[in-house]
All heavy atoms as atom14 arrays in JSON, in Angstrom:
{
  "sequence": "RAFAWYVMGWFRQAAGKEREFVAAISWSGSSFYADS",
  "atom14_mask": [
    [1, 1, 1, 1, 1, 1, 1, 1, 1, 1, 1, 0, 0, 0],
    [1, 1, 1, 1, 1, 0, 0, 0, 0, 0, 0, 0, 0, 0],
    [1, 1, 1, 1, 1, 1, 1, 1, 1, 1, 1, 0, 0, 0],
    [1, 1, 1, 1, 1, 0, 0, 0, 0, 0, 0, 0, 0, 0],
    [1, 1, 1, 1, 1, 1, 1, 1, 1, 1, 1, 1, 1, 1],
    [1, 1, 1, 1, 1, 1, 1, 1, 1, 1, 1, 1, 0, 0],
    [1, 1, 1, 1, 1, 1, 1, 0, 0, 0, 0, 0, 0, 0],
    [1, 1, 1, 1, 1, 1, 1, 1, 0, 0, 0, 0, 0, 0],
    [1, 1, 1, 1, 0, 0, 0, 0, 0, 0, 0, 0, 0, 0],
    [1, 1, 1, 1, 1, 1, 1, 1, 1, 1, 1, 1, 1, 1],
    [1, 1, 1, 1, 1, 1, 1, 1, 1, 1, 1, 0, 0, 0],
    [1, 1, 1, 1, 1, 1, 1, 1, 1, 1, 1, 0, 0, 0],
    [1, 1, 1, 1, 1, 1, 1, 1, 1, 0, 0, 0, 0, 0],
    [1, 1, 1, 1, 1, 0, 0, 0, 0, 0, 0, 0, 0, 0],
    [1, 1, 1, 1, 1, 0, 0, 0, 0, 0, 0, 0, 0, 0],
    [1, 1, 1, 1, 0, 0, 0, 0, 0, 0, 0, 0, 0, 0],
    [1, 1, 1, 1, 1, 1, 1, 1, 1, 0, 0, 0, 0, 0],
    [1, 1, 1, 1, 1, 1, 1, 1, 1, 0, 0, 0, 0, 0],
    [1, 1, 1, 1, 1, 1, 1, 1, 1, 1, 1, 0, 0, 0],
    [1, 1, 1, 1, 1, 1, 1, 1, 1, 0, 0, 0, 0, 0],
    [1, 1, 1, 1, 1, 1, 1, 1, 1, 1, 1, 0, 0, 0],
    [1, 1, 1, 1, 1, 1, 1, 0, 0, 0, 0, 0, 0, 0],
    [1, 1, 1, 1, 1, 0, 0, 0, 0, 0, 0, 0, 0, 0],
    [1, 1, 1, 1, 1, 0, 0, 0, 0, 0, 0, 0, 0, 0],
    [1, 1, 1, 1, 1, 1, 1, 1, 0, 0, 0, 0, 0, 0],
    [1, 1, 1, 1, 1, 1, 0, 0, 0, 0, 0, 0, 0, 0],
    [1, 1, 1, 1, 1, 1, 1, 1, 1, 1, 1, 1, 1, 1],
    [1, 1, 1, 1, 1, 1, 0, 0, 0, 0, 0, 0, 0, 0],
    [1, 1, 1, 1, 0, 0, 0, 0, 0, 0, 0, 0, 0, 0],
    [1, 1, 1, 1, 1, 1, 0, 0, 0, 0, 0, 0, 0, 0],
    [1, 1, 1, 1, 1, 1, 0, 0, 0, 0, 0, 0, 0, 0],
    [1, 1, 1, 1, 1, 1, 1, 1, 1, 1, 1, 0, 0, 0],
    [1, 1, 1, 1, 1, 1, 1, 1, 1, 1, 1, 1, 0, 0],
    [1, 1, 1, 1, 1, 0, 0, 0, 0, 0, 0, 0, 0, 0],
    [1, 1, 1, 1, 1, 1, 1, 1, 0, 0, 0, 0, 0, 0],
    [1, 1, 1, 1, 1, 1, 0, 0, 0, 0, 0, 0, 0, 0]
  ],
  "atom14_positions": [
    [[118.42, 113.3, 102.8], [117.79, 112.4, 101.85], [116.71, 111.55, 102.5], [115.7, 111.24, 101.86], [118.84, 111.5, 101.21], [118.27, 110.38, 100.36], [119.34, 109.5, 99.78], [120.03, 110.13, 98.67], [120.95, 109.54, 97.93], [121.32, 108.3, 98.22], [121.52, 110.2, 96.94], [0.0, 0.0, 0.0], [0.0, 0.0, 0.0], [0.0, 0.0, 0.0]],
    [[116.9, 111.19, 103.77], [115.99, 110.28, 104.44], [114.81, 110.98, 105.11], [114.16, 110.38, 105.96], [116.76, 109.45, 105.48], [0.0, 0.0, 0.0], [0.0, 0.0, 0.0], [0.0, 0.0, 0.0], [0.0, 0.0, 0.0], [0.0, 0.0, 0.0], [0.0, 0.0, 0.0], [0.0, 0.0, 0.0], [0.0, 0.0, 0.0], [0.0, 0.0, 0.0]],
    [[114.53, 112.2, 104.73], [113.44, 112.95, 105.33], [112.14, 112.17, 105.36], [111.42, 112.19, 106.36], [113.26, 114.27, 104.57], [112.06, 115.06, 104.99], [112.12, 115.88, 106.11], [110.87, 114.99, 104.29], [111.02, 116.62, 106.51], [109.77, 115.72, 104.67], [109.84, 116.55, 105.79], [0.0, 0.0, 0.0], [0.0, 0.0, 0.0], [0.0, 0.0, 0.0]],
    [[111.82, 111.5, 104.29], [110.55, 110.8, 104.19], [110.4, 109.7, 105.22], [109.27, 109.29, 105.52], [110.38, 110.23, 102.79], [0.0, 0.0, 0.0], [0.0, 0.0, 0.0], [0.0, 0.0, 0.0], [0.0, 0.0, 0.0], [0.0, 0.0, 0.0], [0.0, 0.0, 0.0], [0.0, 0.0, 0.0], [0.0, 0.0, 0.0], [0.0, 0.0, 0.0]],
    [[111.48, 109.24, 105.77], [111.45, 108.15, 106.74], [111.44, 108.63, 108.19], [111.34, 107.81, 109.1], [112.65, 107.23, 106.52], [112.67, 106.62, 105.16], [113.36, 107.07, 104.08], [111.94, 105.47, 104.72], [113.12, 106.27, 102.99], [112.24, 105.28, 103.36], [111.06, 104.59, 105.35], [111.71, 104.23, 102.62], [110.52, 103.56, 104.61], [110.85, 103.38, 103.26]],
    [[111.54, 109.91, 108.38], [111.63, 110.46, 109.73], [110.27, 110.88, 110.26], [109.39, 111.28, 109.5], [112.55, 111.67, 109.75], [114.0, 111.4, 109.44], [114.82, 112.44, 109.02], [114.55, 110.14, 109.57], [116.16, 112.23, 108.74], [115.88, 109.91, 109.28], [116.68, 110.96, 108.87], [118.01, 110.74, 108.58], [0.0, 0.0, 0.0], [0.0, 0.0, 0.0]],
    [[110.14, 110.82, 111.57], [109.01, 111.43, 112.25], [109.32, 112.91, 112.45], [110.39, 113.27, 112.94], [108.74, 110.75, 113.6], [107.67, 111.5, 114.37], [108.33, 109.3, 113.39], [0.0, 0.0, 0.0], [0.0, 0.0, 0.0], [0.0, 0.0, 0.0], [0.0, 0.0, 0.0], [0.0, 0.0, 0.0], [0.0, 0.0, 0.0], [0.0, 0.0, 0.0]],
    [[108.39, 113.75, 112.07], [108.54, 115.18, 112.24], [107.57, 115.68, 113.3], [106.43, 115.24, 113.35], [108.28, 115.92, 110.93], [109.19, 115.5, 109.79], [110.92, 115.99, 110.07], [110.77, 117.78, 110.12], [0.0, 0.0, 0.0], [0.0, 0.0, 0.0], [0.0, 0.0, 0.0], [0.0, 0.0, 0.0], [0.0, 0.0, 0.0], [0.0, 0.0, 0.0]],
    [[108.04, 116.59, 114.11], [107.19, 117.1, 115.17], [107.28, 118.61, 115.32], [108.24, 119.24, 114.88], [0.0, 0.0, 0.0], [0.0, 0.0, 0.0], [0.0, 0.0, 0.0], [0.0, 0.0, 0.0], [0.0, 0.0, 0.0], [0.0, 0.0, 0.0], [0.0, 0.0, 0.0], [0.0, 0.0, 0.0], [0.0, 0.0, 0.0], [0.0, 0.0, 0.0]],
    [[106.25, 119.15, 115.93], [106.25, 120.53, 116.37], [106.09, 120.56, 117.88], [105.22, 119.88, 118.44], [105.11, 121.33, 115.73], [105.31, 121.65, 114.28], [104.82, 120.98, 113.21], [106.06, 122.76, 113.76], [105.21, 121.58, 112.05], [105.97, 122.68, 112.35], [106.78, 123.81, 114.33], [106.59, 123.61, 111.51], [107.4, 124.72, 113.5], [107.29, 124.62, 112.11]],
    [[106.93, 121.34, 118.51], [106.85, 121.58, 119.94], [106.78, 123.07, 120.18], [107.12, 123.87, 119.29], [108.07, 121.0, 120.67], [108.09, 119.5, 120.72], [108.43, 118.74, 119.6], [107.78, 118.83, 121.9], [108.45, 117.36, 119.65], [107.8, 117.45, 121.96], [108.13, 116.71, 120.85], [0.0, 0.0, 0.0], [0.0, 0.0, 0.0], [0.0, 0.0, 0.0]],
    [[106.37, 123.44, 121.36], [106.37, 124.86, 121.7], [106.81, 125.03, 123.14], [106.67, 124.13, 123.97], [104.99, 125.48, 121.48], [103.89, 124.95, 122.39], [102.54, 125.5, 121.95], [101.47, 125.09, 122.83], [100.18, 125.32, 122.59], [99.82, 125.95, 121.48], [99.27, 124.91, 123.46], [0.0, 0.0, 0.0], [0.0, 0.0, 0.0], [0.0, 0.0, 0.0]],
    [[107.35, 126.19, 123.4], [107.82, 126.49, 124.74], [107.49, 127.94, 125.07], [108.02, 128.86, 124.45], [109.32, 126.24, 124.87], [109.83, 126.36, 126.29], [111.22, 125.77, 126.44], [111.97, 125.64, 125.47], [111.57, 125.4, 127.66], [0.0, 0.0, 0.0], [0.0, 0.0, 0.0], [0.0, 0.0, 0.0], [0.0, 0.0, 0.0], [0.0, 0.0, 0.0]],
    [[106.62, 128.1, 126.03], [106.3, 129.43, 126.53], [107.32, 129.84, 127.58], [107.99, 129.0, 128.18], [104.89, 129.44, 127.12], [0.0, 0.0, 0.0], [0.0, 0.0, 0.0], [0.0, 0.0, 0.0], [0.0, 0.0, 0.0], [0.0, 0.0, 0.0], [0.0, 0.0, 0.0], [0.0, 0.0, 0.0], [0.0, 0.0, 0.0], [0.0, 0.0, 0.0]],
    [[107.44, 131.12, 127.79], [108.4, 131.63, 128.76], [108.17, 131.02, 130.12], [107.05, 131.03, 130.64], [108.31, 133.15, 128.83], [0.0, 0.0, 0.0], [0.0, 0.0, 0.0], [0.0, 0.0, 0.0], [0.0, 0.0, 0.0], [0.0, 0.0, 0.0], [0.0, 0.0, 0.0], [0.0, 0.0, 0.0], [0.0, 0.0, 0.0], [0.0, 0.0, 0.0]],
    [[109.22, 130.48, 130.7], [109.14, 129.91, 132.02], [108.48, 128.55, 132.11], [108.26, 128.05, 133.22], [0.0, 0.0, 0.0], [0.0, 0.0, 0.0], [0.0, 0.0, 0.0], [0.0, 0.0, 0.0], [0.0, 0.0, 0.0], [0.0, 0.0, 0.0], [0.0, 0.0, 0.0], [0.0, 0.0, 0.0], [0.0, 0.0, 0.0], [0.0, 0.0, 0.0]],
    [[108.17, 127.94, 130.98], [107.49, 126.66, 130.99], [108.32, 125.6, 130.27], [109.27, 125.9, 129.55], [106.12, 126.78, 130.33], [105.17, 127.72, 131.06], [103.8, 127.73, 130.4], [102.84, 128.64, 131.14], [101.51, 128.67, 130.5], [0.0, 0.0, 0.0], [0.0, 0.0, 0.0], [0.0, 0.0, 0.0], [0.0, 0.0, 0.0], [0.0, 0.0, 0.0]],
    [[107.93, 124.35, 130.48], [108.58, 123.24, 129.82], [108.2, 123.19, 128.34], [107.14, 123.66, 127.94], [108.19, 121.93, 130.5], [108.64, 121.8, 131.94], [110.14, 121.64, 132.05], [110.74, 120.94, 131.19], [110.73, 122.21, 132.98], [0.0, 0.0, 0.0], [0.0, 0.0, 0.0], [0.0, 0.0, 0.0], [0.0, 0.0, 0.0], [0.0, 0.0, 0.0]],
    [[109.07, 122.6, 127.57], [108.76, 122.39, 126.17], [107.6, 121.4, 126.05], [107.61, 120.34, 126.67], [109.98, 121.9, 125.42], [109.81, 121.89, 123.91], [111.15, 121.81, 123.2], [111.97, 122.98, 123.47], [113.12, 123.25, 122.87], [113.58, 122.42, 121.94], [113.81, 124.33, 123.2], [0.0, 0.0, 0.0], [0.0, 0.0, 0.0], [0.0, 0.0, 0.0]],
    [[106.65, 121.74, 125.22], [105.39, 121.02, 125.14], [105.17, 120.46, 123.74], [105.35, 121.16, 122.74], [104.24, 121.98, 125.51], [102.85, 121.42, 125.36], [101.78, 122.48, 125.53], [102.07, 123.66, 125.28], [100.66, 122.12, 125.92], [0.0, 0.0, 0.0], [0.0, 0.0, 0.0], [0.0, 0.0, 0.0], [0.0, 0.0, 0.0], [0.0, 0.0, 0.0]],
    [[104.76, 119.23, 123.69], [104.4, 118.62, 122.42], [103.18, 119.29, 121.82], [102.21, 119.57, 122.52], [104.12, 117.13, 122.64], [103.56, 116.43, 121.43], [104.37, 116.05, 120.39], [102.2, 116.15, 121.36], [103.85, 115.41, 119.28], [101.67, 115.5, 120.26], [102.5, 115.13, 119.21], [0.0, 0.0, 0.0], [0.0, 0.0, 0.0], [0.0, 0.0, 0.0]],
    [[103.23, 119.52, 120.53], [102.1, 120.11, 119.81], [101.51, 119.13, 118.81], [100.32, 118.83, 118.84], [102.52, 121.4, 119.09], [101.36, 121.95, 118.25], [102.99, 122.44, 120.09], [0.0, 0.0, 0.0], [0.0, 0.0, 0.0], [0.0, 0.0, 0.0], [0.0, 0.0, 0.0], [0.0, 0.0, 0.0], [0.0, 0.0, 0.0], [0.0, 0.0, 0.0]],
    [[102.35, 118.62, 117.92], [101.87, 117.73, 116.88], [103.05, 116.97, 116.3], [104.2, 117.4, 116.38], [101.15, 118.5, 115.78], [0.0, 0.0, 0.0], [0.0, 0.0, 0.0], [0.0, 0.0, 0.0], [0.0, 0.0, 0.0], [0.0, 0.0, 0.0], [0.0, 0.0, 0.0], [0.0, 0.0, 0.0], [0.0, 0.0, 0.0], [0.0, 0.0, 0.0]],
    [[102.75, 115.84, 115.69], [103.77, 115.06, 115.01], [103.15, 114.36, 113.82], [101.94, 114.14, 113.77], [104.4, 114.03, 115.96], [0.0, 0.0, 0.0], [0.0, 0.0, 0.0], [0.0, 0.0, 0.0], [0.0, 0.0, 0.0], [0.0, 0.0, 0.0], [0.0, 0.0, 0.0], [0.0, 0.0, 0.0], [0.0, 0.0, 0.0], [0.0, 0.0, 0.0]],
    [[104.0, 114.02, 112.88], [103.53, 113.32, 111.7], [104.55, 112.26, 111.33], [105.76, 112.5, 111.31], [103.26, 114.3, 110.53], [102.62, 113.58, 109.35], [104.52, 115.05, 110.13], [101.99, 114.54, 108.34], [0.0, 0.0, 0.0], [0.0, 0.0, 0.0], [0.0, 0.0, 0.0], [0.0, 0.0, 0.0], [0.0, 0.0, 0.0], [0.0, 0.0, 0.0]],
    [[104.06, 111.07, 111.05], [104.93, 109.95, 110.75], [105.33, 109.95, 109.28], [104.83, 110.73, 108.47], [104.24, 108.63, 111.09], [103.2, 108.36, 110.16], [0.0, 0.0, 0.0], [0.0, 0.0, 0.0], [0.0, 0.0, 0.0], [0.0, 0.0, 0.0], [0.0, 0.0, 0.0], [0.0, 0.0, 0.0], [0.0, 0.0, 0.0], [0.0, 0.0, 0.0]],
    [[106.21, 109.02, 108.95], [106.65, 108.89, 107.56], [105.49, 108.54, 106.64], [105.51, 108.86, 105.45], [107.73, 107.82, 107.46], [107.26, 106.45, 107.85], [107.32, 105.88, 109.08], [106.65, 105.48, 106.99], [106.78, 104.62, 109.05], [106.37, 104.34, 107.77], [106.32, 105.46, 105.63], [105.76, 103.2, 107.25], [105.72, 104.33, 105.1], [105.45, 103.22, 105.92]],
    [[104.49, 107.86, 107.19], [103.35, 107.44, 106.4], [102.25, 108.5, 106.32], [101.26, 108.3, 105.61], [102.77, 106.15, 106.96], [102.26, 106.35, 108.27], [0.0, 0.0, 0.0], [0.0, 0.0, 0.0], [0.0, 0.0, 0.0], [0.0, 0.0, 0.0], [0.0, 0.0, 0.0], [0.0, 0.0, 0.0], [0.0, 0.0, 0.0], [0.0, 0.0, 0.0]],
    [[102.42, 109.59, 107.05], [101.44, 110.65, 107.03], [100.45, 110.62, 108.17], [99.56, 111.49, 108.23], [0.0, 0.0, 0.0], [0.0, 0.0, 0.0], [0.0, 0.0, 0.0], [0.0, 0.0, 0.0], [0.0, 0.0, 0.0], [0.0, 0.0, 0.0], [0.0, 0.0, 0.0], [0.0, 0.0, 0.0], [0.0, 0.0, 0.0], [0.0, 0.0, 0.0]],
    [[100.56, 109.67, 109.08], [99.7, 109.66, 110.25], [100.06, 110.82, 111.16], [101.24, 111.07, 111.42], [99.84, 108.34, 111.0], [99.44, 107.25, 110.2], [0.0, 0.0, 0.0], [0.0, 0.0, 0.0], [0.0, 0.0, 0.0], [0.0, 0.0, 0.0], [0.0, 0.0, 0.0], [0.0, 0.0, 0.0], [0.0, 0.0, 0.0], [0.0, 0.0, 0.0]],
    [[99.06, 111.52, 111.64], [99.3, 112.69, 112.46], [98.79, 112.5, 113.88], [97.85, 111.72, 114.13], [98.65, 113.92, 111.83], [97.26, 113.73, 111.66], [0.0, 0.0, 0.0], [0.0, 0.0, 0.0], [0.0, 0.0, 0.0], [0.0, 0.0, 0.0], [0.0, 0.0, 0.0], [0.0, 0.0, 0.0], [0.0, 0.0, 0.0], [0.0, 0.0, 0.0]],
    [[99.39, 113.24, 114.79], [99.07, 113.15, 116.21], [99.11, 114.55, 116.79], [99.95, 115.37, 116.42], [100.08, 112.25, 116.92], [100.29, 110.93, 116.24], [101.25, 110.79, 115.26], [99.51, 109.84, 116.57], [101.44, 109.57, 114.61], [99.69, 108.62, 115.93], [100.65, 108.48, 114.96], [0.0, 0.0, 0.0], [0.0, 0.0, 0.0], [0.0, 0.0, 0.0]],
    [[98.2, 114.82, 117.73], [98.07, 116.16, 118.27], [97.93, 116.16, 119.77], [97.34, 115.25, 120.36], [96.84, 116.86, 117.67], [96.89, 117.03, 116.18], [96.34, 116.08, 115.33], [97.5, 118.15, 115.63], [96.4, 116.24, 113.96], [97.56, 118.32, 114.26], [97.0, 117.36, 113.43], [97.07, 117.53, 112.06], [0.0, 0.0, 0.0], [0.0, 0.0, 0.0]],
    [[98.45, 117.2, 120.37], [98.15, 117.44, 121.77], [96.68, 117.82, 121.91], [96.09, 118.43, 121.01], [99.02, 118.57, 122.31], [0.0, 0.0, 0.0], [0.0, 0.0, 0.0], [0.0, 0.0, 0.0], [0.0, 0.0, 0.0], [0.0, 0.0, 0.0], [0.0, 0.0, 0.0], [0.0, 0.0, 0.0], [0.0, 0.0, 0.0], [0.0, 0.0, 0.0]],
    [[96.1, 117.44, 123.03], [94.69, 117.74, 123.24], [94.41, 119.24, 123.15], [93.33, 119.65, 122.71], [94.24, 117.22, 124.61], [94.14, 115.72, 124.66], [94.09, 115.08, 123.59], [94.11, 115.17, 125.78], [0.0, 0.0, 0.0], [0.0, 0.0, 0.0], [0.0, 0.0, 0.0], [0.0, 0.0, 0.0], [0.0, 0.0, 0.0], [0.0, 0.0, 0.0]],
    [[95.36, 120.04, 123.54], [95.16, 121.48, 123.58], [95.01, 122.11, 122.2], [94.51, 123.23, 122.08], [96.31, 122.15, 124.33], [97.55, 121.87, 123.7], [0.0, 0.0, 0.0], [0.0, 0.0, 0.0], [0.0, 0.0, 0.0], [0.0, 0.0, 0.0], [0.0, 0.0, 0.0], [0.0, 0.0, 0.0], [0.0, 0.0, 0.0], [0.0, 0.0, 0.0]]
  ]
}
């Protein structure tokens, strides 16, 4: 039910590498991106 209040993110992990931040979006719709 509280989905709208959560920060949602996308991460990715290539074989043999650390999990990497890709993008996130706040409850208000503000978005953030990795430089890549």
